[in-house]
Amino acid sequence: MRAIITVVGKDTVGILAKISAQCAEHNVNVIEVSQSILQDMFCMIMLVDVSKCNIEFTAFAENCKKLGEDMGLVVNAMHEDIFNTMHRI
């Protein structure tokens, strides 16, 4: 089971490290990462494997959102099936 994590906000040191640490804490494996800096804005998309996550996915997604708020970022975690359905025409 895979999920997509998106992160958007003002670029600061340690964003990738903190989001990755959140994943590691809950046994979520990072499969692929794409990130870029657009002027001073940080944008990242992560593909993660949540099949061995040690908490419910909804709780993990909420933890990611809270971490983002604490860092002044918008962080969303979405199950891959929902992501694919939303982006299908």
PDB file of N, CA and C in Angstrom:
ATOM      1  N   MET A   1       0.844  -1.164   0.000  1.00  0.00           N
ATOM      2  CA  MET A   1       0.000   0.000   0.000  1.00  0.00           C
ATOM      3  C   MET A   1       0.898   1.239   0.000  1.00  0.00           C
ATOM      4  N   ARG A   2       0.661   2.143  -0.947  1.00  0.00           N
ATOM      5  CA  ARG A   2       1.506   3.325  -1.065  1.00  0.00           C
ATOM      6  C   ARG A   2       0.688   4.583  -0.823  1.00  0.00           C
ATOM      7  N   ALA A   3       1.415   5.666  -0.518  1.00  0.00           N
ATOM      8  CA  ALA A   3       0.777   6.953  -0.299  1.00  0.00           C
ATOM      9  C   ALA A   3       1.664   8.042  -0.882  1.00  0.00           C
ATOM     10  N   ILE A   4       1.068   9.205  -1.065  1.00  0.00           N
ATOM     11  CA  ILE A   4       1.765  10.382  -1.561  1.00  0.00           C
ATOM     12  C   ILE A   4       1.778  11.410  -0.434  1.00  0.00           C
ATOM     13  N   ILE A   5       2.959  11.958  -0.141  1.00  0.00           N
ATOM     14  CA  ILE A   5       3.073  13.045   0.826  1.00  0.00           C
ATOM     15  C   ILE A   5       3.537  14.273   0.056  1.00  0.00           C
ATOM     16  N   THR A   6       2.803  15.373   0.179  1.00  0.00           N
ATOM     17  CA  THR A   6       3.210  16.619  -0.452  1.00  0.00           C
ATOM     18  C   THR A   6       3.551  17.628   0.635  1.00  0.00           C
ATOM     19  N   VAL A   7       4.563  18.436   0.362  1.00  0.00           N
ATOM     20  CA  VAL A   7       5.021  19.451   1.300  1.00  0.00           C
ATOM     21  C   VAL A   7       5.246  20.743   0.520  1.00  0.00           C
ATOM     22  N   VAL A   8       4.647  21.829   0.999  1.00  0.00           N
ATOM     23  CA  VAL A   8       4.815  23.129   0.364  1.00  0.00           C
ATOM     24  C   VAL A   8       4.953  24.190   1.446  1.00  0.00           C
ATOM     25  N   GLY A   9       5.909  25.095   1.264  1.00  0.00           N
ATOM     26  CA  GLY A   9       6.066  26.200   2.200  1.00  0.00           C
ATOM     27  C   GLY A   9       7.386  26.901   2.023  1.00  0.00           C
ATOM     28  N   LYS A  10       7.637  27.877   2.876  1.00  0.00           N
ATOM     29  CA  LYS A  10       8.877  28.636   2.822  1.00  0.00           C
ATOM     30  C   LYS A  10      10.050  27.710   3.113  1.00  0.00           C
ATOM     31  N   ASP A  11      11.089  27.819   2.299  1.00  0.00           N
ATOM     32  CA  ASP A  11      12.257  26.954   2.434  1.00  0.00           C
ATOM     33  C   ASP A  11      13.010  27.243   3.732  1.00  0.00           C
ATOM     34  N   THR A  12      13.284  26.205   4.487  1.00  0.00           N
ATOM     35  CA  THR A  12      14.103  26.287   5.698  1.00  0.00           C
ATOM     36  C   THR A  12      14.957  25.027   5.778  1.00  0.00           C
ATOM     37  N   VAL A  13      15.959  25.065   6.613  1.00  0.00           N
ATOM     38  CA  VAL A  13      16.842  23.913   6.816  1.00  0.00           C
ATOM     39  C   VAL A  13      16.081  22.805   7.547  1.00  0.00           C
ATOM     40  N   GLY A  14      16.232  21.574   7.072  1.00  0.00           N
ATOM     41  CA  GLY A  14      15.740  20.406   7.803  1.00  0.00           C
ATOM     42  C   GLY A  14      14.361  19.898   7.443  1.00  0.00           C
ATOM     43  N   ILE A  15      13.734  20.450   6.416  1.00  0.00           N
ATOM     44  CA  ILE A  15      12.379  19.998   6.070  1.00  0.00           C
ATOM     45  C   ILE A  15      12.380  18.513   5.709  1.00  0.00           C
ATOM     46  N   LEU A  16      13.233  18.136   4.767  1.00  0.00           N
ATOM     47  CA  LEU A  16      13.291  16.732   4.346  1.00  0.00           C
ATOM     48  C   LEU A  16      13.629  15.827   5.524  1.00  0.00           C
ATOM     49  N   ALA A  17      14.557  16.254   6.363  1.00  0.00           N
ATOM     50  CA  ALA A  17      14.970  15.445   7.522  1.00  0.00           C
ATOM     51  C   ALA A  17      13.808  15.220   8.486  1.00  0.00           C
ATOM     52  N   LYS A  18      13.038  16.260   8.759  1.00  0.00           N
ATOM     53  CA  LYS A  18      11.933  16.136   9.723  1.00  0.00           C
ATOM     54  C   LYS A  18      10.794  15.288   9.174  1.00  0.00           C
ATOM     55  N   ILE A  19      10.471  15.459   7.909  1.00  0.00           N
ATOM     56  CA  ILE A  19       9.409  14.650   7.311  1.00  0.00           C
ATOM     57  C   ILE A  19       9.849  13.187   7.227  1.00  0.00           C
ATOM     58  N   SER A  20      11.102  12.961   6.848  1.00  0.00           N
ATOM     59  CA  SER A  20      11.633  11.587   6.791  1.00  0.00           C
ATOM     60  C   SER A  20      11.662  10.949   8.170  1.00  0.00           C
ATOM     61  N   ALA A  21      12.001  11.727   9.192  1.00  0.00           N
ATOM     62  CA  ALA A  21      12.022  11.206  10.563  1.00  0.00           C
ATOM     63  C   ALA A  21      10.621  10.797  11.003  1.00  0.00           C
ATOM     64  N   GLN A  22       9.621  11.573  10.609  1.00  0.00           N
ATOM     65  CA  GLN A  22       8.227  11.228  10.913  1.00  0.00           C
ATOM     66  C   GLN A  22       7.873   9.890  10.266  1.00  0.00           C
ATOM     67  N   CYS A  23       8.304   9.707   9.024  1.00  0.00           N
ATOM     68  CA  CYS A  23       8.052   8.436   8.336  1.00  0.00           C
ATOM     69  C   CYS A  23       8.747   7.289   9.067  1.00  0.00           C
ATOM     70  N   ALA A  24      10.009   7.466   9.394  1.00  0.00           N
ATOM     71  CA  ALA A  24      10.777   6.407  10.063  1.00  0.00           C
ATOM     72  C   ALA A  24      10.164   6.044  11.412  1.00  0.00           C
ATOM     73  N   GLU A  25       9.691   7.043  12.138  1.00  0.00           N
ATOM     74  CA  GLU A  25       9.080   6.800  13.456  1.00  0.00           C
ATOM     75  C   GLU A  25       7.888   5.865  13.353  1.00  0.00           C
ATOM     76  N   HIS A  26       7.193   5.915  12.224  1.00  0.00           N
ATOM     77  CA  HIS A  26       5.988   5.093  12.045  1.00  0.00           C
ATOM     78  C   HIS A  26       6.189   3.954  11.059  1.00  0.00           C
ATOM     79  N   ASN A  27       7.459   3.628  10.780  1.00  0.00           N
ATOM     80  CA  ASN A  27       7.805   2.495   9.917  1.00  0.00           C
ATOM     81  C   ASN A  27       7.262   2.652   8.495  1.00  0.00           C
ATOM     82  N   VAL A  28       7.252   3.883   8.010  1.00  0.00           N
ATOM     83  CA  VAL A  28       6.824   4.190   6.652  1.00  0.00           C
ATOM     84  C   VAL A  28       8.083   4.346   5.807  1.00  0.00           C
ATOM     85  N   ASN A  29       8.189   3.556   4.754  1.00  0.00           N
ATOM     86  CA  ASN A  29       9.382   3.547   3.918  1.00  0.00           C
ATOM     87  C   ASN A  29       9.259   4.563   2.782  1.00  0.00           C
ATOM     88  N   VAL A  30      10.258   5.435   2.657  1.00  0.00           N
ATOM     89  CA  VAL A  30      10.285   6.407   1.570  1.00  0.00           C
ATOM     90  C   VAL A  30      10.814   5.703   0.322  1.00  0.00           C
ATOM     91  N   ILE A  31      10.012   5.697  -0.728  1.00  0.00           N
ATOM     92  CA  ILE A  31      10.377   5.024  -1.973  1.00  0.00           C
ATOM     93  C   ILE A  31      11.040   5.993  -2.944  1.00  0.00           C
ATOM     94  N   GLU A  32      10.437   7.170  -3.072  1.00  0.00           N
ATOM     95  CA  GLU A  32      10.941   8.137  -4.047  1.00  0.00           C
ATOM     96  C   GLU A  32      10.636   9.547  -3.561  1.00  0.00           C
ATOM     97  N   VAL A  33      11.548  10.479  -3.860  1.00  0.00           N
ATOM     98  CA  VAL A  33      11.379  11.876  -3.452  1.00  0.00           C
ATOM     99  C   VAL A  33      11.703  12.784  -4.637  1.00  0.00           C
ATOM    100  N   SER A  34      10.864  13.771  -4.828  1.00  0.00           N
ATOM    101  CA  SER A  34      11.136  14.825  -5.795  1.00  0.00           C
ATOM    102  C   SER A  34      10.934  16.150  -5.071  1.00  0.00           C
ATOM    103  N   GLN A  35      11.935  17.021  -5.148  1.00  0.00           N
ATOM    104  CA  GLN A  35      11.797  18.307  -4.478  1.00  0.00           C
ATOM    105  C   GLN A  35      12.424  19.396  -5.319  1.00  0.00           C
ATOM    106  N   SER A  36      11.927  20.596  -5.134  1.00  0.00           N
ATOM    107  CA  SER A  36      12.520  21.741  -5.812  1.00  0.00           C
ATOM    108  C   SER A  36      12.279  22.986  -4.973  1.00  0.00           C
ATOM    109  N   ILE A  37      13.113  23.970  -5.214  1.00  0.00           N
ATOM    110  CA  ILE A  37      12.970  25.259  -4.572  1.00  0.00           C
ATOM    111  C   ILE A  37      12.557  26.238  -5.660  1.00  0.00           C
ATOM    112  N   LEU A  38      11.422  26.876  -5.493  1.00  0.00           N
ATOM    113  CA  LEU A  38      10.926  27.869  -6.438  1.00  0.00           C
ATOM    114  C   LEU A  38      11.060  29.219  -5.750  1.00  0.00           C
ATOM    115  N   GLN A  39      12.119  29.951  -6.101  1.00  0.00           N
ATOM    116  CA  GLN A  39      12.539  31.162  -5.398  1.00  0.00           C
ATOM    117  C   GLN A  39      12.772  30.792  -3.936  1.00  0.00           C
ATOM    118  N   ASP A  40      11.901  31.190  -3.001  1.00  0.00           N
ATOM    119  CA  ASP A  40      12.112  30.808  -1.607  1.00  0.00           C
ATOM    120  C   ASP A  40      11.070  29.798  -1.119  1.00  0.00           C
ATOM    121  N   MET A  41      10.342  29.193  -2.068  1.00  0.00           N
ATOM    122  CA  MET A  41       9.317  28.207  -1.712  1.00  0.00           C
ATOM    123  C   MET A  41       9.826  26.791  -1.919  1.00  0.00           C
ATOM    124  N   PHE A  42       9.639  25.955  -0.911  1.00  0.00           N
ATOM    125  CA  PHE A  42      10.041  24.553  -0.944  1.00  0.00           C
ATOM    126  C   PHE A  42       8.845  23.731  -1.392  1.00  0.00           C
ATOM    127  N   CYS A  43       9.045  22.849  -2.361  1.00  0.00           N
ATOM    128  CA  CYS A  43       7.989  21.966  -2.864  1.00  0.00           C
ATOM    129  C   CYS A  43       8.542  20.542  -2.937  1.00  0.00           C
ATOM    130  N   MET A  44       7.838  19.599  -2.330  1.00  0.00           N
ATOM    131  CA  MET A  44       8.311  18.218  -2.324  1.00  0.00           C
ATOM    132  C   MET A  44       7.138  17.263  -2.476  1.00  0.00           C
ATOM    133  N   ILE A  45       7.383  16.194  -3.218  1.00  0.00           N
ATOM    134  CA  ILE A  45       6.440  15.087  -3.332  1.00  0.00           C
ATOM    135  C   ILE A  45       7.200  13.821  -2.961  1.00  0.00           C
ATOM    136  N   MET A  46       6.638  13.044  -2.059  1.00  0.00           N
ATOM    137  CA  MET A  46       7.249  11.775  -1.644  1.00  0.00           C
ATOM    138  C   MET A  46       6.277  10.639  -1.946  1.00  0.00           C
ATOM    139  N   LEU A  47       6.800   9.567  -2.504  1.00  0.00           N
ATOM    140  CA  LEU A  47       6.041   8.328  -2.649  1.00  0.00           C
ATOM    141  C   LEU A  47       6.525   7.421  -1.527  1.00  0.00           C
ATOM    142  N   VAL A  48       5.607   6.951  -0.695  1.00  0.00           N
ATOM    143  CA  VAL A  48       5.983   6.149   0.469  1.00  0.00           C
ATOM    144  C   VAL A  48       5.186   4.853   0.510  1.00  0.00           C
ATOM    145  N   ASP A  49       5.776   3.845   1.140  1.00  0.00           N
ATOM    146  CA  ASP A  49       5.114   2.554   1.365  1.00  0.00           C
ATOM    147  C   ASP A  49       4.592   2.556   2.801  1.00  0.00           C
ATOM    148  N   VAL A  50       3.277   2.496   2.950  1.00  0.00           N
ATOM    149  CA  VAL A  50       2.663   2.534   4.283  1.00  0.00           C
ATOM    150  C   VAL A  50       2.149   1.160   4.723  1.00  0.00           C
ATOM    151  N   SER A  51       2.536   0.111   4.005  1.00  0.00           N
ATOM    152  CA  SER A  51       2.012  -1.225   4.323  1.00  0.00           C
ATOM    153  C   SER A  51       2.455  -1.719   5.697  1.00  0.00           C
ATOM    154  N   LYS A  52       3.567  -1.198   6.220  1.00  0.00           N
ATOM    155  CA  LYS A  52       4.047  -1.625   7.540  1.00  0.00           C
ATOM    156  C   LYS A  52       3.934  -0.508   8.579  1.00  0.00           C
ATOM    157  N   CYS A  53       3.129   0.497   8.262  1.00  0.00           N
ATOM    158  CA  CYS A  53       2.939   1.622   9.185  1.00  0.00           C
ATOM    159  C   CYS A  53       2.410   1.097  10.518  1.00  0.00           C
ATOM    160  N   ASN A  54       2.982   1.596  11.622  1.00  0.00           N
ATOM    161  CA  ASN A  54       2.625   1.069  12.946  1.00  0.00           C
ATOM    162  C   ASN A  54       1.449   1.797  13.592  1.00  0.00           C
ATOM    163  N   ILE A  55       0.798   2.701  12.856  1.00  0.00           N
ATOM    164  CA  ILE A  55      -0.441   3.332  13.308  1.00  0.00           C
ATOM    165  C   ILE A  55      -1.401   3.367  12.116  1.00  0.00           C
ATOM    166  N   GLU A  56      -2.668   3.672  12.380  1.00  0.00           N
ATOM    167  CA  GLU A  56      -3.641   3.794  11.290  1.00  0.00           C
ATOM    168  C   GLU A  56      -3.189   4.888  10.324  1.00  0.00           C
ATOM    169  N   PHE A  57      -3.466   4.703   9.039  1.00  0.00           N
ATOM    170  CA  PHE A  57      -3.030   5.686   8.057  1.00  0.00           C
ATOM    171  C   PHE A  57      -3.617   7.064   8.333  1.00  0.00           C
ATOM    172  N   THR A  58      -4.871   7.130   8.748  1.00  0.00           N
ATOM    173  CA  THR A  58      -5.485   8.434   9.037  1.00  0.00           C
ATOM    174  C   THR A  58      -4.741   9.151  10.159  1.00  0.00           C
ATOM    175  N   ALA A  59      -4.277   8.407  11.160  1.00  0.00           N
ATOM    176  CA  ALA A  59      -3.498   9.006  12.250  1.00  0.00           C
ATOM    177  C   ALA A  59      -2.141   9.477  11.735  1.00  0.00           C
ATOM    178  N   PHE A  60      -1.524   8.689  10.864  1.00  0.00           N
ATOM    179  CA  PHE A  60      -0.247   9.084  10.277  1.00  0.00           C
ATOM    180  C   PHE A  60      -0.415  10.371   9.469  1.00  0.00           C
ATOM    181  N   ALA A  61      -1.472  10.440   8.657  1.00  0.00           N
ATOM    182  CA  ALA A  61      -1.735  11.632   7.847  1.00  0.00           C
ATOM    183  C   ALA A  61      -1.952  12.851   8.747  1.00  0.00           C
ATOM    184  N   GLU A  62      -2.659  12.666   9.840  1.00  0.00           N
ATOM    185  CA  GLU A  62      -2.895  13.769  10.779  1.00  0.00           C
ATOM    186  C   GLU A  62      -1.590  14.209  11.447  1.00  0.00           C
ATOM    187  N   ASN A  63      -0.740  13.244  11.795  1.00  0.00           N
ATOM    188  CA  ASN A  63       0.572  13.579  12.373  1.00  0.00           C
ATOM    189  C   ASN A  63       1.413  14.387  11.387  1.00  0.00           C
ATOM    190  N   CYS A  64       1.372  14.013  10.116  1.00  0.00           N
ATOM    191  CA  CYS A  64       2.108  14.754   9.091  1.00  0.00           C
ATOM    192  C   CYS A  64       1.581  16.179   8.971  1.00  0.00           C
ATOM    193  N   LYS A  65       0.261  16.313   8.973  1.00  0.00           N
ATOM    194  CA  LYS A  65      -0.357  17.638   8.883  1.00  0.00           C
ATOM    195  C   LYS A  65       0.058  18.506  10.067  1.00  0.00           C
ATOM    196  N   LYS A  66       0.028  17.938  11.266  1.00  0.00           N
ATOM    197  CA  LYS A  66       0.405  18.675  12.481  1.00  0.00           C
ATOM    198  C   LYS A  66       1.874  19.083  12.437  1.00  0.00           C
ATOM    199  N   LEU A  67       2.747  18.169  12.016  1.00  0.00           N
ATOM    200  CA  LEU A  67       4.170  18.489  11.886  1.00  0.00           C
ATOM    201  C   LEU A  67       4.351  19.654  10.929  1.00  0.00           C
ATOM    202  N   GLY A  68       3.631  19.616   9.815  1.00  0.00           N
ATOM    203  CA  GLY A  68       3.697  20.711   8.855  1.00  0.00           C
ATOM    204  C   GLY A  68       3.272  22.035   9.461  1.00  0.00           C
ATOM    205  N   GLU A  69       2.175  22.017  10.198  1.00  0.00           N
ATOM    206  CA  GLU A  69       1.704  23.244  10.840  1.00  0.00           C
ATOM    207  C   GLU A  69       2.749  23.781  11.811  1.00  0.00           C
ATOM    208  N   ASP A  70       3.366  22.895  12.573  1.00  0.00           N
ATOM    209  CA  ASP A  70       4.403  23.303  13.525  1.00  0.00           C
ATOM    210  C   ASP A  70       5.605  23.928  12.820  1.00  0.00           C
ATOM    211  N   MET A  71       5.847  23.512  11.575  1.00  0.00           N
ATOM    212  CA  MET A  71       6.993  24.004  10.805  1.00  0.00           C
ATOM    213  C   MET A  71       6.612  25.152   9.867  1.00  0.00           C
ATOM    214  N   GLY A  72       5.337  25.544   9.849  1.00  0.00           N
ATOM    215  CA  GLY A  72       4.882  26.596   8.951  1.00  0.00           C
ATOM    216  C   GLY A  72       4.737  26.135   7.516  1.00  0.00           C
ATOM    217  N   LEU A  73       4.443  24.849   7.326  1.00  0.00           N
ATOM    218  CA  LEU A  73       4.309  24.240   6.008  1.00  0.00           C
ATOM    219  C   LEU A  73       2.924  23.634   5.839  1.00  0.00           C
ATOM    220  N   VAL A  74       2.570  23.356   4.605  1.00  0.00           N
ATOM    221  CA  VAL A  74       1.362  22.577   4.329  1.00  0.00           C
ATOM    222  C   VAL A  74       1.831  21.180   3.937  1.00  0.00           C
ATOM    223  N   VAL A  75       1.485  20.188   4.765  1.00  0.00           N
ATOM    224  CA  VAL A  75       1.878  18.803   4.512  1.00  0.00           C
ATOM    225  C   VAL A  75       0.612  17.960   4.419  1.00  0.00           C
ATOM    226  N   ASN A  76       0.483  17.234   3.327  1.00  0.00           N
ATOM    227  CA  ASN A  76      -0.663  16.342   3.123  1.00  0.00           C
ATOM    228  C   ASN A  76      -0.168  14.943   2.812  1.00  0.00           C
ATOM    229  N   ALA A  77      -0.781  13.960   3.436  1.00  0.00           N
ATOM    230  CA  ALA A  77      -0.517  12.554   3.133  1.00  0.00           C
ATOM    231  C   ALA A  77      -1.823  11.958   2.620  1.00  0.00           C
ATOM    232  N   MET A  78      -1.754  11.360   1.440  1.00  0.00           N
ATOM    233  CA  MET A  78      -2.942  10.833   0.798  1.00  0.00           C
ATOM    234  C   MET A  78      -2.663   9.436   0.253  1.00  0.00           C
ATOM    235  N   HIS A  79      -3.562   8.519   0.506  1.00  0.00           N
ATOM    236  CA  HIS A  79      -3.432   7.162  -0.021  1.00  0.00           C
ATOM    237  C   HIS A  79      -3.335   7.242  -1.545  1.00  0.00           C
ATOM    238  N   GLU A  80      -2.496   6.427  -2.133  1.00  0.00           N
ATOM    239  CA  GLU A  80      -2.255   6.447  -3.574  1.00  0.00           C
ATOM    240  C   GLU A  80      -3.537   6.273  -4.390  1.00  0.00           C
ATOM    241  N   ASP A  81      -4.437   5.404  -3.953  1.00  0.00           N
ATOM    242  CA  ASP A  81      -5.680   5.182  -4.701  1.00  0.00           C
ATOM    243  C   ASP A  81      -6.520   6.453  -4.773  1.00  0.00           C
ATOM    244  N   ILE A  82      -6.603   7.193  -3.680  1.00  0.00           N
ATOM    245  CA  ILE A  82      -7.357   8.433  -3.670  1.00  0.00           C
ATOM    246  C   ILE A  82      -6.666   9.471  -4.544  1.00  0.00           C
ATOM    247  N   PHE A  83      -5.345   9.556  -4.441  1.00  0.00           N
ATOM    248  CA  PHE A  83      -4.569  10.481  -5.266  1.00  0.00           C
ATOM    249  C   PHE A  83      -4.807  10.206  -6.742  1.00  0.00           C
ATOM    250  N   ASN A  84      -4.729   8.952  -7.141  1.00  0.00           N
ATOM    251  CA  ASN A  84      -4.926   8.572  -8.550  1.00  0.00           C
ATOM    252  C   ASN A  84      -6.349   8.878  -9.019  1.00  0.00           C
ATOM    253  N   THR A  85      -7.336   8.608  -8.169  1.00  0.00           N
ATOM    254  CA  THR A  85      -8.730   8.874  -8.524  1.00  0.00           C
ATOM    255  C   THR A  85      -8.967  10.360  -8.698  1.00  0.00           C
ATOM    256  N   MET A  86      -8.395  11.173  -7.831  1.00  0.00           N
ATOM    257  CA  MET A  86      -8.580  12.622  -7.909  1.00  0.00           C
ATOM    258  C   MET A  86      -7.952  13.208  -9.166  1.00  0.00           C
ATOM    259  N   HIS A  87      -6.893  12.577  -9.676  1.00  0.00           N
ATOM    260  CA  HIS A  87      -6.164  13.128 -10.804  1.00  0.00           C
ATOM    261  C   HIS A  87      -6.467  12.428 -12.132  1.00  0.00           C
ATOM    262  N   ARG A  88      -7.553  11.684 -12.148  1.00  0.00           N
ATOM    263  CA  ARG A  88      -7.978  10.999 -13.362  1.00  0.00           C
ATOM    264  C   ARG A  88      -9.112  11.789 -14.004  1.00  0.00           C
ATOM    265  N   ILE A  89      -9.030  11.977 -15.274  1.00  0.00           N
ATOM    266  CA  ILE A  89     -10.085  12.740 -15.971  1.00  0.00           C
ATOM    267  C   ILE A  89     -11.063  11.792 -16.622  1.00  0.00           C
TER     268      ILE A  89
END
